[in-house]
Amino acid sequence: MRFLLRITFWLGLVLVLLPRDKTPESEKLPQIGAADAVQAATAAVSDMTHFCKRQPAACEVGGQAATIIGQRAQDGAKKLYQIINDKKEQITNEKAKNEKTDKKAPDHTGSIAMAGEGDSAASEAPRDTLTQDDLALEWRGPQISN
């Protein structure tokens, strides 16, 4: 409970201290100095410390409510941790499963012969496929213009 109060206080302080744009509405608001704000905060804290003396029944119920809320928050955190841990295990198991399947032989489509597979087929293919006309042409290198 104290944690929530601290977070609320610091978040409120940060929001108050953020710079703002000047608008006509903001100029209509009352202007409060830093000293007045500190004095008001001190009075509020002092009043809160004496609240349980003035209203013991409200303090008791508030304490019980805080205990219940804290317990529910703890249960929720455990549940969230369990969900995250289960997801982590699923991902780890899937990765391990994928690594096992990746170690099998790669798929072969047959378009390119594997080593040792196409040796007999390669020796049966005709080697000299150029015609006499193809062989008669004279080779010319690239022409360089000056």
Protein backbone atom coordinates (compact mmCIF):
# COMPACT_ATOMS: atom_id res chain seq x y z
CA MET A 1 0.00 0.00 0.00
CA ARG A 2 2.83 2.37 0.85
CA PHE A 3 4.42 1.50 -2.47
CA LEU A 4 1.30 2.61 -4.35
CA LEU A 5 1.17 5.85 -2.38
CA ARG A 6 4.83 6.55 -3.14
CA ILE A 7 4.37 5.83 -6.84
CA THR A 8 1.30 8.06 -6.95
CA PHE A 9 3.15 10.85 -5.17
CA TRP A 10 6.22 10.75 -7.43
CA LEU A 11 4.15 10.40 -10.60
CA GLY A 12 2.01 13.36 -9.53
CA LEU A 13 5.13 15.38 -8.79
CA VAL A 14 6.59 14.62 -12.21
CA LEU A 15 3.32 15.56 -13.92
CA VAL A 16 3.14 18.83 -11.99
CA LEU A 17 6.71 19.78 -12.86
CA LEU A 18 6.39 19.09 -16.61
CA PRO A 19 6.47 22.32 -18.64
CA ARG A 20 3.16 23.48 -20.08
CA ASP A 21 2.10 25.69 -22.94
CA LYS A 22 0.60 29.06 -22.07
CA THR A 23 -3.10 29.07 -22.88
CA PRO A 24 -5.88 31.48 -21.96
CA GLU A 25 -7.38 28.79 -19.69
CA SER A 26 -4.13 28.34 -17.77
CA GLU A 27 -3.91 32.07 -17.04
CA LYS A 28 -7.37 31.98 -15.41
CA LEU A 29 -6.24 29.32 -12.91
CA PRO A 30 -5.08 30.48 -9.46
CA GLN A 31 -1.34 30.96 -9.19
CA ILE A 32 0.22 29.01 -6.31
CA GLY A 33 3.78 29.52 -5.18
CA ALA A 34 6.21 26.73 -4.30
CA ALA A 35 6.20 27.65 -0.60
CA ASP A 36 2.39 27.47 -0.45
CA ALA A 37 2.43 24.07 -2.17
CA VAL A 38 5.01 22.68 0.29
CA GLN A 39 3.04 24.02 3.25
CA ALA A 40 -0.19 22.44 1.94
CA ALA A 41 1.55 19.09 1.35
CA THR A 42 3.01 19.13 4.87
CA ALA A 43 -0.44 19.83 6.33
CA ALA A 44 -1.97 16.97 4.30
CA VAL A 45 0.69 14.51 5.50
CA SER A 46 0.22 15.65 9.09
CA ASP A 47 -3.54 15.20 8.76
CA MET A 48 -3.08 11.68 7.34
CA THR A 49 -0.92 10.63 10.29
CA HIS A 50 -3.68 11.59 12.74
CA PHE A 51 -6.51 10.10 10.68
CA CYS A 52 -6.38 6.69 12.40
CA LYS A 53 -6.70 8.36 15.80
CA ARG A 54 -9.84 10.21 14.68
CA GLN A 55 -11.41 7.35 12.68
CA PRO A 56 -10.19 3.95 14.01
CA ALA A 57 -12.98 1.99 12.28
CA ALA A 58 -12.16 3.49 8.87
CA CYS A 59 -8.49 2.74 9.43
CA GLU A 60 -9.22 -0.88 10.32
CA VAL A 61 -11.41 -1.45 7.25
CA GLY A 62 -8.86 0.35 5.07
CA GLY A 63 -6.09 -1.88 6.41
CA GLN A 64 -8.13 -5.01 5.66
CA ALA A 65 -8.91 -3.72 2.16
CA ALA A 66 -5.23 -2.98 1.59
CA THR A 67 -4.36 -6.53 2.71
CA ILE A 68 -6.90 -8.04 0.31
CA ILE A 69 -5.74 -5.84 -2.57
CA GLY A 70 -2.12 -6.70 -1.82
CA GLN A 71 -2.93 -10.43 -1.78
CA ARG A 72 -4.78 -10.16 -5.10
CA ALA A 73 -1.88 -8.23 -6.61
CA GLN A 74 0.53 -10.91 -5.41
CA ASP A 75 -1.67 -13.68 -6.87
CA GLY A 76 -1.91 -11.76 -10.15
CA ALA A 77 1.87 -11.35 -10.27
CA LYS A 78 2.34 -15.09 -9.67
CA LYS A 79 -0.14 -15.90 -12.43
CA LEU A 80 1.60 -13.51 -14.83
CA TYR A 81 4.98 -15.02 -13.96
CA GLN A 82 3.59 -18.50 -14.58
CA ILE A 83 2.16 -17.47 -17.98
CA ILE A 84 5.47 -15.90 -19.02
CA ASN A 85 7.40 -18.94 -17.82
CA ASP A 86 5.06 -21.31 -19.74
CA LYS A 87 5.49 -19.26 -22.93
CA LYS A 88 9.24 -19.31 -22.45
CA GLU A 89 9.18 -23.11 -22.11
CA GLN A 90 7.04 -23.43 -25.25
CA ILE A 91 9.46 -21.31 -27.24
CA THR A 92 12.43 -23.31 -25.93
CA ASN A 93 10.72 -26.59 -26.82
CA GLU A 94 9.84 -25.33 -30.31
CA LYS A 95 13.43 -24.25 -30.90
CA ALA A 96 14.71 -27.66 -29.78
CA LYS A 97 12.16 -29.37 -32.04
CA ASN A 98 13.16 -27.18 -35.00
CA GLU A 99 16.84 -27.96 -34.41
CA LYS A 100 16.06 -31.68 -34.54
CA THR A 101 14.14 -31.32 -37.80
CA ASP A 102 16.87 -29.11 -39.29
CA LYS A 103 19.40 -31.91 -38.83
CA LYS A 104 17.58 -34.23 -41.27
CA ALA A 105 18.71 -34.45 -44.88
CA PRO A 106 17.77 -31.39 -46.93
CA ASP A 107 14.97 -31.68 -49.44
CA HIS A 108 16.18 -32.57 -52.92
CA THR A 109 14.18 -31.49 -55.95
CA GLY A 110 16.21 -33.42 -58.51
CA SER A 111 17.01 -30.37 -60.64
CA ILE A 112 20.65 -30.47 -59.59
CA ALA A 113 22.42 -33.75 -59.03
CA MET A 114 23.78 -34.38 -55.57
CA ALA A 115 27.39 -35.47 -55.17
CA GLY A 116 27.74 -39.08 -56.33
CA GLU A 117 24.13 -39.16 -57.55
CA GLY A 118 24.51 -37.87 -61.08
CA ASP A 119 27.89 -39.33 -62.03
CA SER A 120 26.41 -41.87 -64.43
CA ALA A 121 23.98 -39.33 -65.88
CA ALA A 122 26.75 -36.81 -66.46
CA SER A 123 28.88 -39.33 -68.35
CA GLU A 124 25.96 -40.18 -70.67
CA ALA A 125 25.24 -36.55 -71.68
CA PRO A 126 26.66 -35.50 -75.07
CA ARG A 127 29.73 -33.34 -74.71
CA ASP A 128 30.38 -31.74 -78.10
CA THR A 129 27.16 -29.91 -78.89
CA LEU A 130 28.68 -27.09 -81.03
CA THR A 131 28.12 -27.31 -84.74
CA GLN A 132 30.85 -26.79 -87.36
CA ASP A 133 29.42 -23.33 -88.11
CA ASP A 134 29.76 -22.38 -84.42
CA LEU A 135 33.36 -23.54 -84.42
CA ALA A 136 34.20 -21.67 -87.63
CA LEU A 137 33.40 -18.23 -86.24
CA GLU A 138 36.42 -16.16 -85.35
CA TRP A 139 36.60 -14.81 -81.83
CA ARG A 140 36.65 -11.04 -81.50
CA GLY A 141 37.50 -9.24 -78.33
CA PRO A 142 35.87 -6.02 -77.24
CA GLN A 143 36.56 -3.09 -79.54
CA ILE A 144 38.10 -0.07 -77.92
CA SER A 145 37.24 3.28 -79.46
CA ASN A 146 39.74 6.14 -79.20
